[in-house]
N, C-alpha and C. Protein backbone atom coordinates (compact mmCIF):
# COMPACT_ATOMS: atom_id res chain seq x y z
N MET A 1 15.71 24.54 80.90
CA MET A 1 16.56 25.02 79.86
C MET A 1 17.04 26.43 80.27
N ASN A 2 18.31 26.64 80.19
CA ASN A 2 18.88 27.86 80.71
C ASN A 2 18.32 29.09 80.00
N GLY A 3 17.96 30.07 80.76
CA GLY A 3 17.61 31.37 80.23
C GLY A 3 16.25 31.41 79.56
N ARG A 4 15.46 30.43 79.73
CA ARG A 4 14.17 30.38 79.04
C ARG A 4 13.18 31.19 79.82
N SER A 5 12.65 32.24 79.22
CA SER A 5 11.71 33.19 79.87
C SER A 5 10.34 32.61 80.02
N ASN A 6 9.58 33.12 80.91
CA ASN A 6 8.15 32.82 81.01
C ASN A 6 7.40 33.08 79.72
N LEU A 7 7.78 34.17 79.05
CA LEU A 7 7.07 34.55 77.82
C LEU A 7 7.34 33.51 76.78
N THR A 8 8.58 33.06 76.64
CA THR A 8 8.91 32.06 75.68
C THR A 8 8.15 30.74 75.93
N ARG A 9 8.07 30.38 77.17
CA ARG A 9 7.38 29.19 77.56
C ARG A 9 5.91 29.26 77.24
N ARG A 10 5.31 30.43 77.57
CA ARG A 10 3.90 30.58 77.31
C ARG A 10 3.61 30.58 75.83
N PHE A 11 4.48 31.25 75.08
CA PHE A 11 4.32 31.28 73.59
C PHE A 11 4.37 29.86 73.02
N GLY A 12 5.37 29.13 73.48
CA GLY A 12 5.54 27.75 72.95
C GLY A 12 4.36 26.86 73.30
N VAL A 13 3.90 26.99 74.54
CA VAL A 13 2.74 26.17 74.98
C VAL A 13 1.51 26.50 74.13
N GLY A 14 1.25 27.83 73.89
CA GLY A 14 0.16 28.22 73.13
C GLY A 14 0.20 27.76 71.70
N ALA A 15 1.41 27.85 71.10
CA ALA A 15 1.60 27.44 69.71
C ALA A 15 1.35 25.90 69.55
N ALA A 16 1.98 25.11 70.51
CA ALA A 16 1.82 23.68 70.43
C ALA A 16 0.38 23.24 70.59
N LEU A 17 -0.35 23.92 71.54
CA LEU A 17 -1.74 23.63 71.75
C LEU A 17 -2.57 23.98 70.48
N ALA A 18 -2.23 25.12 69.84
CA ALA A 18 -2.90 25.50 68.63
C ALA A 18 -2.68 24.49 67.50
N ALA A 19 -1.45 23.96 67.41
CA ALA A 19 -1.15 22.94 66.43
C ALA A 19 -1.89 21.68 66.68
N ALA A 20 -2.02 21.28 67.98
CA ALA A 20 -2.76 20.10 68.36
C ALA A 20 -4.21 20.26 67.99
N ILE A 21 -4.79 21.44 68.35
CA ILE A 21 -6.23 21.70 68.02
C ILE A 21 -6.47 21.70 66.53
N ALA A 22 -5.57 22.35 65.78
CA ALA A 22 -5.75 22.35 64.33
C ALA A 22 -5.71 20.95 63.73
N ALA A 23 -4.73 20.12 64.27
CA ALA A 23 -4.63 18.78 63.75
C ALA A 23 -5.90 18.05 64.06
N ILE A 24 -6.41 18.12 65.23
CA ILE A 24 -7.65 17.42 65.64
C ILE A 24 -8.82 17.98 64.77
N GLY A 25 -8.78 19.29 64.54
CA GLY A 25 -9.78 19.88 63.66
C GLY A 25 -9.80 19.35 62.27
N TYR A 26 -8.59 18.94 61.77
CA TYR A 26 -8.50 18.23 60.50
C TYR A 26 -8.95 16.78 60.61
N ASP A 27 -8.52 16.15 61.70
CA ASP A 27 -8.75 14.71 61.83
C ASP A 27 -10.32 14.37 61.82
N ILE A 28 -11.06 15.14 62.51
CA ILE A 28 -12.53 14.85 62.66
C ILE A 28 -13.26 14.94 61.27
N PRO A 29 -13.16 16.00 60.51
CA PRO A 29 -13.84 16.01 59.25
C PRO A 29 -13.27 14.99 58.25
N GLN A 30 -11.95 14.65 58.41
CA GLN A 30 -11.38 13.66 57.50
C GLN A 30 -12.02 12.28 57.76
N ILE A 31 -12.19 11.98 59.03
CA ILE A 31 -12.82 10.73 59.41
C ILE A 31 -14.30 10.75 58.95
N LEU A 32 -14.97 11.86 59.13
CA LEU A 32 -16.41 11.98 58.75
C LEU A 32 -16.53 11.90 57.22
N GLN A 33 -15.52 12.38 56.51
CA GLN A 33 -15.56 12.29 55.03
C GLN A 33 -15.41 10.76 54.60
N VAL A 34 -14.50 10.05 55.25
CA VAL A 34 -14.29 8.67 54.90
C VAL A 34 -15.49 7.79 55.16
N ILE A 35 -16.24 8.06 56.24
CA ILE A 35 -17.39 7.26 56.53
C ILE A 35 -18.70 7.77 55.87
N GLY A 36 -18.52 8.85 55.08
CA GLY A 36 -19.65 9.30 54.27
C GLY A 36 -20.61 10.23 54.98
N VAL A 37 -20.22 10.84 56.09
CA VAL A 37 -21.10 11.75 56.83
C VAL A 37 -21.06 13.14 56.19
N LEU A 38 -19.88 13.58 55.76
CA LEU A 38 -19.71 14.92 55.20
C LEU A 38 -19.84 14.81 53.66
N SER A 39 -20.54 15.75 53.07
CA SER A 39 -20.64 15.81 51.62
C SER A 39 -19.88 17.02 51.09
N ASP A 40 -19.62 17.03 49.82
CA ASP A 40 -18.92 18.11 49.17
C ASP A 40 -19.84 19.36 49.06
N PRO A 41 -19.38 20.57 49.25
CA PRO A 41 -17.94 20.96 49.42
C PRO A 41 -17.57 21.04 50.90
N TRP A 42 -18.50 20.74 51.84
CA TRP A 42 -18.22 20.95 53.25
C TRP A 42 -17.03 20.06 53.72
N ASP A 43 -16.95 18.86 53.16
CA ASP A 43 -15.82 18.03 53.55
C ASP A 43 -14.51 18.72 53.25
N ARG A 44 -14.40 19.28 52.01
CA ARG A 44 -13.11 19.93 51.63
C ARG A 44 -12.85 21.16 52.49
N ILE A 45 -13.91 21.98 52.65
CA ILE A 45 -13.72 23.21 53.42
C ILE A 45 -13.27 22.89 54.86
N LEU A 46 -13.92 21.97 55.51
CA LEU A 46 -13.67 21.64 56.91
C LEU A 46 -12.33 20.82 57.03
N ILE A 47 -11.81 20.30 55.98
CA ILE A 47 -10.48 19.69 55.98
C ILE A 47 -9.39 20.73 55.70
N PHE A 48 -9.57 21.50 54.64
CA PHE A 48 -8.51 22.42 54.28
C PHE A 48 -8.35 23.59 55.22
N ALA A 49 -9.46 24.09 55.83
CA ALA A 49 -9.30 25.26 56.73
C ALA A 49 -8.44 24.94 57.96
N PRO A 50 -8.63 23.89 58.74
CA PRO A 50 -7.74 23.68 59.81
C PRO A 50 -6.36 23.23 59.37
N SER A 51 -6.27 22.64 58.18
CA SER A 51 -4.96 22.30 57.67
C SER A 51 -4.08 23.54 57.39
N LEU A 52 -4.82 24.59 56.92
CA LEU A 52 -4.07 25.86 56.64
C LEU A 52 -3.67 26.49 57.93
N ALA A 53 -4.49 26.41 59.00
CA ALA A 53 -4.15 26.96 60.30
C ALA A 53 -2.95 26.13 60.88
N LEU A 54 -2.98 24.85 60.68
CA LEU A 54 -1.91 23.97 61.23
C LEU A 54 -0.51 24.34 60.68
N ALA A 55 -0.50 24.76 59.46
CA ALA A 55 0.85 25.12 58.87
C ALA A 55 1.50 26.17 59.67
N SER A 56 0.85 27.29 59.92
CA SER A 56 1.47 28.35 60.73
C SER A 56 1.70 27.94 62.12
N ALA A 57 0.77 27.24 62.72
CA ALA A 57 0.92 26.84 64.14
C ALA A 57 2.12 25.92 64.33
N PHE A 58 2.35 25.06 63.32
CA PHE A 58 3.48 24.13 63.47
C PHE A 58 4.81 24.88 63.42
N VAL A 59 4.91 25.80 62.48
CA VAL A 59 6.12 26.59 62.36
C VAL A 59 6.41 27.34 63.68
N LEU A 60 5.34 28.03 64.18
CA LEU A 60 5.60 28.73 65.43
C LEU A 60 5.94 27.83 66.63
N THR A 61 5.39 26.63 66.58
CA THR A 61 5.75 25.64 67.64
C THR A 61 7.19 25.25 67.57
N ILE A 62 7.68 24.96 66.37
CA ILE A 62 9.04 24.57 66.21
C ILE A 62 9.97 25.72 66.50
N ALA A 63 9.58 26.95 66.18
CA ALA A 63 10.35 28.12 66.47
C ALA A 63 10.49 28.26 68.01
N ALA A 64 9.45 28.06 68.67
CA ALA A 64 9.47 28.18 70.19
C ALA A 64 10.32 27.05 70.77
N ALA A 65 10.18 25.84 70.20
CA ALA A 65 11.04 24.72 70.64
C ALA A 65 12.52 25.03 70.47
N HIS A 66 12.83 25.64 69.32
CA HIS A 66 14.19 26.02 69.05
C HIS A 66 14.72 27.03 70.05
N ALA A 67 13.90 28.05 70.34
CA ALA A 67 14.27 29.06 71.30
C ALA A 67 14.50 28.44 72.71
N ALA A 68 13.84 27.37 72.99
CA ALA A 68 13.90 26.75 74.34
C ALA A 68 14.97 25.63 74.37
N THR A 69 15.66 25.37 73.26
CA THR A 69 16.62 24.22 73.18
C THR A 69 18.01 24.69 73.67
N PRO A 70 18.70 23.89 74.48
CA PRO A 70 20.04 24.24 74.88
C PRO A 70 21.00 24.50 73.70
N GLN A 71 21.97 25.30 73.89
CA GLN A 71 22.86 25.67 72.78
C GLN A 71 23.48 24.53 72.10
N GLU A 72 23.89 23.50 72.85
CA GLU A 72 24.59 22.34 72.27
C GLU A 72 23.69 21.44 71.40
N LEU A 73 22.36 21.65 71.56
CA LEU A 73 21.46 20.82 70.75
C LEU A 73 20.73 21.62 69.66
N ARG A 74 21.09 22.87 69.46
CA ARG A 74 20.34 23.72 68.59
C ARG A 74 20.47 23.41 67.11
N ALA A 75 21.55 22.65 66.74
CA ALA A 75 21.68 22.24 65.35
C ALA A 75 20.46 21.33 64.94
N TRP A 76 19.99 20.55 65.91
CA TRP A 76 18.78 19.70 65.64
C TRP A 76 17.52 20.51 65.51
N SER A 77 17.35 21.42 66.50
CA SER A 77 16.12 22.21 66.49
C SER A 77 16.10 23.21 65.32
N LEU A 78 17.21 23.74 64.97
CA LEU A 78 17.26 24.68 63.85
C LEU A 78 16.97 23.97 62.50
N SER A 79 17.49 22.75 62.38
CA SER A 79 17.19 21.95 61.20
C SER A 79 15.75 21.66 61.12
N ALA A 80 15.11 21.32 62.31
CA ALA A 80 13.68 21.02 62.33
C ALA A 80 12.83 22.23 61.94
N LEU A 81 13.33 23.43 62.37
CA LEU A 81 12.64 24.64 61.98
C LEU A 81 12.70 24.93 60.53
N ALA A 82 13.88 24.67 59.90
CA ALA A 82 14.07 24.92 58.45
C ALA A 82 13.09 24.05 57.69
N LEU A 83 12.95 22.76 58.01
CA LEU A 83 12.04 21.90 57.32
C LEU A 83 10.57 22.24 57.60
N ALA A 84 10.30 22.71 58.82
CA ALA A 84 8.96 23.15 59.16
C ALA A 84 8.52 24.33 58.26
N ILE A 85 9.44 25.20 58.01
CA ILE A 85 9.11 26.35 57.13
C ILE A 85 8.85 25.88 55.70
N LEU A 86 9.63 24.93 55.23
CA LEU A 86 9.41 24.34 53.90
C LEU A 86 8.02 23.71 53.85
N TYR A 87 7.65 23.00 54.86
CA TYR A 87 6.36 22.32 54.93
C TYR A 87 5.27 23.36 54.83
N ALA A 88 5.29 24.42 55.67
CA ALA A 88 4.28 25.40 55.74
C ALA A 88 4.14 26.15 54.41
N ALA A 89 5.24 26.48 53.76
CA ALA A 89 5.21 27.11 52.50
C ALA A 89 4.52 26.31 51.45
N ASP A 90 4.78 25.04 51.43
CA ASP A 90 4.22 24.11 50.43
C ASP A 90 2.71 24.00 50.64
N VAL A 91 2.33 23.60 51.83
CA VAL A 91 0.89 23.26 52.02
C VAL A 91 0.01 24.52 52.06
N SER A 92 0.56 25.64 52.57
CA SER A 92 -0.25 26.84 52.63
C SER A 92 -0.69 27.25 51.21
N LEU A 93 0.28 27.16 50.27
CA LEU A 93 -0.09 27.47 48.89
C LEU A 93 -1.19 26.54 48.38
N VAL A 94 -1.05 25.26 48.71
CA VAL A 94 -2.12 24.34 48.29
C VAL A 94 -3.49 24.68 48.83
N TYR A 95 -3.51 24.90 50.18
CA TYR A 95 -4.82 25.05 50.84
C TYR A 95 -5.48 26.38 50.53
N VAL A 96 -4.73 27.48 50.41
CA VAL A 96 -5.34 28.74 50.11
C VAL A 96 -5.88 28.73 48.69
N VAL A 97 -5.22 28.00 47.76
CA VAL A 97 -5.81 27.85 46.46
C VAL A 97 -7.08 27.09 46.45
N GLN A 98 -7.16 26.03 47.30
CA GLN A 98 -8.40 25.27 47.33
C GLN A 98 -9.54 26.05 47.86
N LEU A 99 -9.30 26.80 49.03
CA LEU A 99 -10.34 27.55 49.72
C LEU A 99 -10.71 28.81 48.96
N GLY A 100 -9.75 29.42 48.30
CA GLY A 100 -9.99 30.76 47.70
C GLY A 100 -10.28 30.68 46.21
N VAL A 101 -9.97 29.58 45.56
CA VAL A 101 -10.09 29.52 44.08
C VAL A 101 -10.87 28.32 43.67
N VAL A 102 -10.42 27.14 44.00
CA VAL A 102 -10.94 25.92 43.43
C VAL A 102 -12.41 25.68 43.91
N ILE A 103 -12.61 25.73 45.23
CA ILE A 103 -13.96 25.49 45.77
C ILE A 103 -14.97 26.54 45.28
N PRO A 104 -14.59 27.82 45.35
CA PRO A 104 -15.54 28.86 44.82
C PRO A 104 -15.93 28.61 43.36
N HIS A 105 -14.95 28.23 42.57
CA HIS A 105 -15.25 27.96 41.16
C HIS A 105 -16.21 26.74 41.06
N ASP A 106 -15.95 25.71 41.85
CA ASP A 106 -16.83 24.56 41.81
C ASP A 106 -18.27 24.97 42.18
N LEU A 107 -18.44 25.80 43.16
CA LEU A 107 -19.75 26.27 43.64
C LEU A 107 -20.50 27.02 42.57
N ARG A 108 -19.72 27.73 41.73
CA ARG A 108 -20.35 28.50 40.69
C ARG A 108 -20.61 27.66 39.41
N GLY A 109 -20.20 26.42 39.47
CA GLY A 109 -20.31 25.56 38.24
C GLY A 109 -19.27 25.76 37.27
N GLU A 110 -18.13 26.35 37.71
CA GLU A 110 -17.07 26.65 36.81
C GLU A 110 -15.79 25.82 37.19
N GLY A 111 -16.04 24.64 37.77
CA GLY A 111 -14.91 23.82 38.22
C GLY A 111 -13.94 23.43 37.14
N HIS A 112 -14.38 23.32 35.92
CA HIS A 112 -13.51 22.95 34.84
C HIS A 112 -12.38 23.90 34.63
N GLU A 113 -12.58 25.15 35.03
CA GLU A 113 -11.51 26.14 34.86
C GLU A 113 -10.35 25.98 35.79
N THR A 114 -10.63 25.40 36.97
CA THR A 114 -9.55 25.24 37.95
C THR A 114 -9.27 23.81 38.32
N ALA A 115 -9.81 22.89 37.51
CA ALA A 115 -9.65 21.45 37.88
C ALA A 115 -8.21 21.05 38.00
N PHE A 116 -7.38 21.65 37.20
CA PHE A 116 -5.93 21.28 37.23
C PHE A 116 -5.30 21.56 38.58
N ALA A 117 -5.85 22.55 39.38
CA ALA A 117 -5.33 22.93 40.67
C ALA A 117 -5.96 22.23 41.82
N ALA A 118 -6.94 21.33 41.55
CA ALA A 118 -7.65 20.70 42.64
C ALA A 118 -6.78 19.71 43.38
N CYS A 119 -7.02 19.58 44.67
CA CYS A 119 -6.33 18.65 45.54
C CYS A 119 -7.40 17.80 46.32
N CYS A 120 -7.28 16.61 46.56
CA CYS A 120 -5.96 15.91 46.66
C CYS A 120 -6.04 14.51 46.07
N ALA A 121 -6.51 14.41 44.86
CA ALA A 121 -6.61 13.13 44.16
C ALA A 121 -5.18 12.72 43.67
N PRO A 122 -4.94 11.40 43.56
CA PRO A 122 -3.67 10.98 43.09
C PRO A 122 -3.41 11.45 41.70
N GLY A 123 -2.11 11.80 41.43
CA GLY A 123 -1.72 12.29 40.16
C GLY A 123 -1.89 13.76 39.86
N MET A 124 -2.43 14.49 40.82
CA MET A 124 -2.64 15.93 40.62
C MET A 124 -1.44 16.72 41.08
N PRO A 125 -1.06 17.81 40.40
CA PRO A 125 0.11 18.58 40.80
C PRO A 125 0.05 19.06 42.24
N THR A 126 -1.08 19.58 42.65
CA THR A 126 -1.23 20.06 44.04
C THR A 126 -1.08 18.94 45.08
N THR A 127 -1.52 17.76 44.68
CA THR A 127 -1.37 16.61 45.57
C THR A 127 0.16 16.28 45.78
N ALA A 128 0.91 16.40 44.72
CA ALA A 128 2.34 16.22 44.91
C ALA A 128 3.03 17.22 45.82
N ILE A 129 2.53 18.47 45.69
CA ILE A 129 3.12 19.54 46.53
C ILE A 129 2.68 19.24 47.96
N ASP A 130 1.48 18.86 48.20
CA ASP A 130 0.92 18.55 49.53
C ASP A 130 1.70 17.41 50.14
N LEU A 131 1.95 16.39 49.39
CA LEU A 131 2.73 15.24 49.95
C LEU A 131 4.13 15.62 50.25
N LEU A 132 4.74 16.47 49.43
CA LEU A 132 6.11 16.92 49.72
C LEU A 132 6.10 17.66 51.03
N GLY A 133 5.13 18.57 51.17
CA GLY A 133 5.02 19.36 52.43
C GLY A 133 4.92 18.48 53.65
N TYR A 134 4.11 17.49 53.61
CA TYR A 134 3.95 16.65 54.84
C TYR A 134 5.15 15.74 55.06
N THR A 135 5.88 15.46 53.97
CA THR A 135 7.18 14.77 54.12
C THR A 135 8.13 15.67 54.91
N TYR A 136 8.16 17.01 54.56
CA TYR A 136 9.03 17.91 55.32
C TYR A 136 8.56 17.99 56.77
N MET A 137 7.27 17.98 57.02
CA MET A 137 6.76 18.03 58.40
C MET A 137 7.29 16.84 59.19
N SER A 138 7.16 15.64 58.61
CA SER A 138 7.58 14.44 59.33
C SER A 138 9.07 14.43 59.58
N ALA A 139 9.82 14.91 58.54
CA ALA A 139 11.32 14.99 58.75
C ALA A 139 11.65 16.01 59.83
N SER A 140 10.90 17.11 59.88
CA SER A 140 11.11 18.10 60.88
C SER A 140 10.85 17.52 62.32
N SER A 141 9.83 16.74 62.46
CA SER A 141 9.56 16.05 63.72
C SER A 141 10.69 15.15 64.16
N LEU A 142 11.20 14.40 63.19
CA LEU A 142 12.27 13.49 63.46
C LEU A 142 13.54 14.21 63.89
N LEU A 143 13.85 15.29 63.25
CA LEU A 143 15.02 16.11 63.59
C LEU A 143 14.87 16.76 64.95
N LEU A 144 13.64 17.04 65.36
CA LEU A 144 13.41 17.76 66.67
C LEU A 144 13.63 16.76 67.80
N ALA A 145 13.46 15.47 67.56
CA ALA A 145 13.50 14.52 68.70
C ALA A 145 14.79 14.57 69.52
N PRO A 146 15.96 14.59 68.88
CA PRO A 146 17.19 14.62 69.72
C PRO A 146 17.38 15.91 70.49
N ALA A 147 16.59 16.94 70.29
CA ALA A 147 16.70 18.16 71.04
C ALA A 147 16.07 18.07 72.41
N PHE A 148 15.43 16.91 72.68
CA PHE A 148 14.76 16.73 73.97
C PHE A 148 15.22 15.49 74.62
N PRO A 149 16.51 15.47 75.10
CA PRO A 149 16.97 14.28 75.82
C PRO A 149 16.34 14.25 77.24
N GLY A 150 16.41 13.10 77.94
CA GLY A 150 15.92 13.04 79.27
C GLY A 150 14.85 11.98 79.40
N ASN A 151 14.28 11.92 80.60
CA ASN A 151 13.30 10.89 80.95
C ASN A 151 11.94 11.49 81.13
N GLY A 152 10.96 10.66 81.56
CA GLY A 152 9.66 11.20 81.83
C GLY A 152 8.94 11.62 80.56
N VAL A 153 8.30 12.77 80.70
CA VAL A 153 7.50 13.26 79.54
C VAL A 153 8.37 13.54 78.37
N ARG A 154 9.63 13.94 78.59
CA ARG A 154 10.55 14.18 77.49
C ARG A 154 10.81 12.94 76.67
N ARG A 155 10.87 11.83 77.33
CA ARG A 155 11.09 10.58 76.60
C ARG A 155 9.85 10.25 75.71
N TRP A 156 8.67 10.44 76.31
CA TRP A 156 7.42 10.19 75.51
C TRP A 156 7.34 11.16 74.31
N LEU A 157 7.76 12.36 74.54
CA LEU A 157 7.80 13.30 73.40
C LEU A 157 8.74 12.86 72.34
N ARG A 158 9.90 12.38 72.76
CA ARG A 158 10.84 11.93 71.77
C ARG A 158 10.32 10.75 70.98
N TYR A 159 9.64 9.83 71.62
CA TYR A 159 9.06 8.70 70.95
C TYR A 159 7.98 9.11 69.95
N ALA A 160 7.13 10.08 70.36
CA ALA A 160 6.11 10.55 69.45
C ALA A 160 6.66 11.29 68.23
N LEU A 161 7.67 12.09 68.44
CA LEU A 161 8.31 12.76 67.33
C LEU A 161 9.00 11.80 66.37
N ILE A 162 9.61 10.78 66.92
CA ILE A 162 10.23 9.76 66.03
C ILE A 162 9.15 8.98 65.22
N VAL A 163 8.06 8.66 65.87
CA VAL A 163 6.95 7.95 65.11
C VAL A 163 6.53 8.82 63.99
N ASN A 164 6.27 10.16 64.20
CA ASN A 164 5.91 11.08 63.15
C ASN A 164 6.92 11.06 62.03
N GLY A 165 8.17 11.06 62.45
CA GLY A 165 9.31 11.13 61.45
C GLY A 165 9.31 9.90 60.52
N LEU A 166 8.98 8.73 61.10
CA LEU A 166 9.00 7.50 60.36
C LEU A 166 7.96 7.42 59.23
N PHE A 167 7.01 8.32 59.25
CA PHE A 167 6.03 8.40 58.22
C PHE A 167 6.50 9.02 56.95
N ALA A 168 7.68 9.74 57.03
CA ALA A 168 8.12 10.54 55.91
C ALA A 168 8.23 9.73 54.55
N PRO A 169 8.94 8.56 54.57
CA PRO A 169 8.98 7.88 53.28
C PRO A 169 7.69 7.36 52.77
N MET A 170 6.77 7.03 53.70
CA MET A 170 5.42 6.50 53.28
C MET A 170 4.60 7.64 52.71
N ILE A 171 4.78 8.87 53.29
CA ILE A 171 4.02 9.98 52.71
C ILE A 171 4.48 10.32 51.33
N LEU A 172 5.82 10.43 51.09
CA LEU A 172 6.35 10.73 49.79
C LEU A 172 6.06 9.59 48.81
N GLY A 173 6.06 8.37 49.35
CA GLY A 173 5.83 7.24 48.53
C GLY A 173 4.43 7.17 47.90
N GLN A 174 3.51 7.92 48.46
CA GLN A 174 2.16 7.95 47.88
C GLN A 174 2.17 8.60 46.48
N LEU A 175 3.18 9.27 46.09
CA LEU A 175 3.26 9.69 44.71
C LEU A 175 3.21 8.54 43.73
N ALA A 176 3.84 7.45 44.14
CA ALA A 176 3.82 6.24 43.29
C ALA A 176 2.82 5.20 43.72
N TRP A 177 2.56 5.13 44.98
CA TRP A 177 1.68 4.09 45.56
C TRP A 177 0.66 4.78 46.46
N PRO A 178 -0.43 5.28 45.87
CA PRO A 178 -1.42 6.01 46.74
C PRO A 178 -2.02 5.22 47.86
N TRP A 179 -1.99 3.86 47.83
CA TRP A 179 -2.53 3.09 48.96
C TRP A 179 -1.72 3.26 50.18
N LEU A 180 -0.53 3.85 50.13
CA LEU A 180 0.24 4.07 51.32
C LEU A 180 -0.41 5.06 52.29
N VAL A 181 -1.50 5.77 51.77
CA VAL A 181 -2.21 6.62 52.70
C VAL A 181 -2.76 5.86 53.92
N TYR A 182 -3.08 4.58 53.73
CA TYR A 182 -3.53 3.83 54.94
C TYR A 182 -2.42 3.55 55.94
N ALA A 183 -1.18 3.46 55.41
CA ALA A 183 -0.06 3.23 56.31
C ALA A 183 0.24 4.37 57.27
N VAL A 184 -0.15 5.57 56.81
CA VAL A 184 0.13 6.74 57.63
C VAL A 184 -1.11 7.20 58.49
N ALA A 185 -2.11 6.38 58.48
CA ALA A 185 -3.36 6.73 59.24
C ALA A 185 -3.06 6.97 60.73
N PRO A 186 -2.09 6.26 61.36
CA PRO A 186 -1.85 6.53 62.76
C PRO A 186 -1.38 7.97 63.02
N TRP A 187 -1.03 8.74 62.03
CA TRP A 187 -0.67 10.11 62.21
C TRP A 187 -1.75 10.93 62.85
N ILE A 188 -2.97 10.57 62.64
CA ILE A 188 -4.11 11.33 63.19
C ILE A 188 -4.09 11.29 64.74
N VAL A 189 -3.36 10.29 65.32
CA VAL A 189 -3.21 10.19 66.77
C VAL A 189 -1.81 10.66 67.17
N SER A 190 -0.80 10.21 66.44
CA SER A 190 0.60 10.50 66.91
C SER A 190 0.98 11.97 66.79
N PHE A 191 0.43 12.67 65.77
CA PHE A 191 0.82 14.08 65.64
C PHE A 191 0.22 14.96 66.75
N PRO A 192 -1.12 14.91 66.93
CA PRO A 192 -1.66 15.73 68.04
C PRO A 192 -1.01 15.31 69.37
N ALA A 193 -0.76 14.06 69.58
CA ALA A 193 -0.11 13.59 70.83
C ALA A 193 1.23 14.23 71.00
N SER A 194 2.01 14.32 69.92
CA SER A 194 3.37 14.92 70.02
C SER A 194 3.30 16.43 70.35
N MET A 195 2.32 17.06 69.75
CA MET A 195 2.14 18.50 70.04
C MET A 195 1.70 18.72 71.50
N LEU A 196 0.83 17.87 72.03
CA LEU A 196 0.39 18.02 73.42
C LEU A 196 1.58 17.68 74.34
N LEU A 197 2.37 16.72 74.03
CA LEU A 197 3.53 16.40 74.81
C LEU A 197 4.56 17.53 74.81
N LEU A 198 4.70 18.15 73.64
CA LEU A 198 5.64 19.26 73.53
C LEU A 198 5.18 20.43 74.33
N ALA A 199 3.85 20.64 74.36
CA ALA A 199 3.30 21.72 75.24
C ALA A 199 3.60 21.43 76.68
N MET A 200 3.48 20.18 77.09
CA MET A 200 3.79 19.80 78.43
C MET A 200 5.23 20.03 78.80
N VAL A 201 6.18 19.71 77.91
CA VAL A 201 7.57 19.95 78.15
C VAL A 201 7.88 21.41 78.21
N LEU A 202 7.37 22.15 77.26
CA LEU A 202 7.63 23.60 77.31
C LEU A 202 7.01 24.31 78.52
N ARG A 203 5.99 23.73 79.06
CA ARG A 203 5.37 24.28 80.23
C ARG A 203 6.12 24.09 81.51
N LEU A 204 7.08 23.09 81.46
CA LEU A 204 7.89 22.80 82.68
C LEU A 204 8.69 24.05 83.06
N PRO A 205 8.77 24.43 84.32
CA PRO A 205 9.63 25.50 84.75
C PRO A 205 11.12 25.13 84.56
N PRO A 206 11.92 26.15 84.30
CA PRO A 206 13.36 25.86 83.98
C PRO A 206 14.04 25.01 85.02
N GLN A 207 13.69 25.21 86.32
CA GLN A 207 14.35 24.46 87.31
C GLN A 207 14.08 22.94 87.20
N HIS A 208 12.79 22.61 86.94
CA HIS A 208 12.38 21.22 86.78
C HIS A 208 12.99 20.66 85.51
N ASP A 209 13.06 21.46 84.50
CA ASP A 209 13.53 21.04 83.19
C ASP A 209 14.98 20.66 83.28
N GLN A 210 15.75 21.40 84.08
CA GLN A 210 17.18 21.18 84.24
C GLN A 210 17.41 19.84 84.89
N LEU A 211 16.52 19.40 85.74
CA LEU A 211 16.67 18.09 86.46
C LEU A 211 16.30 16.92 85.54
N THR A 212 15.63 17.15 84.44
CA THR A 212 15.17 16.08 83.60
C THR A 212 16.03 15.82 82.39
N ARG A 213 17.05 16.61 82.16
CA ARG A 213 17.93 16.31 81.05
C ARG A 213 19.37 16.10 81.56
N PRO A 214 20.18 15.38 80.73
CA PRO A 214 21.52 15.01 81.22
C PRO A 214 22.34 16.24 81.47
N HIS A 215 23.23 16.11 82.49
CA HIS A 215 24.10 17.27 82.82
C HIS A 215 25.19 17.25 81.79
N SER A 216 25.65 18.41 81.41
CA SER A 216 26.82 18.55 80.46
C SER A 216 28.09 18.23 81.20
N LEU A 217 29.07 17.70 80.48
CA LEU A 217 30.38 17.50 81.04
C LEU A 217 31.09 18.76 81.33
N PRO A 218 31.86 18.87 82.41
CA PRO A 218 32.62 20.10 82.61
C PRO A 218 33.58 20.32 81.42
N ALA A 219 33.95 21.55 81.29
CA ALA A 219 34.72 21.93 80.08
C ALA A 219 36.10 21.17 80.07
N ASN A 220 36.70 20.87 81.25
CA ASN A 220 37.94 20.22 81.31
C ASN A 220 37.88 18.70 81.43
N SER A 221 36.68 18.17 81.28
CA SER A 221 36.55 16.74 81.45
C SER A 221 37.05 15.98 80.17
N PRO A 222 37.67 14.86 80.29
CA PRO A 222 38.15 14.07 79.14
C PRO A 222 36.92 13.57 78.34
N GLY A 223 37.11 13.52 77.04
CA GLY A 223 36.06 13.00 76.16
C GLY A 223 34.92 13.97 75.95
């Protein structure tokens, strides 16, 4: 990608790796909760804490991807960044309230005072905000996919981003049909994979990157 500095590439790689680590950090306690290994409140703490970290890491990753995107494809990456910001704003509010208000009240035996703000049971207000946030994240991934044309690892990145994007209607659909949570279970693999692939693409030197994406038509070419 033209003009991409080493600093931009290093920043993007670090952000993408941080997003992948945060996602895996969420995946593990989520699985342990489902199989009954983690008990309350540690299950909630260990799920919400990496989820809060993921919000910022994802925005920084998409910002780096936008900075590394060719000018003619930046409408896609900028749109992805806009939705990533909406995602982070939504879920950060939910998770900081859980970690800083709801769980401490529960531990003091005062959970009834903040029960209305608890996440993430069906029908709760914060659950709706959380689902909206992850719908934005999935849509952001889908919009980012066209910003990475080409073959090799770029193609695999595109596929992973598209898979993440296809979860969007199923995530939002959980507002009406909570059982759809099982349909989006593959996210625990596809999302970290997409971030690792993005880190690999951003790590490519500009010379190699130029060879892996289609050449632009000359300015005086027909069509």
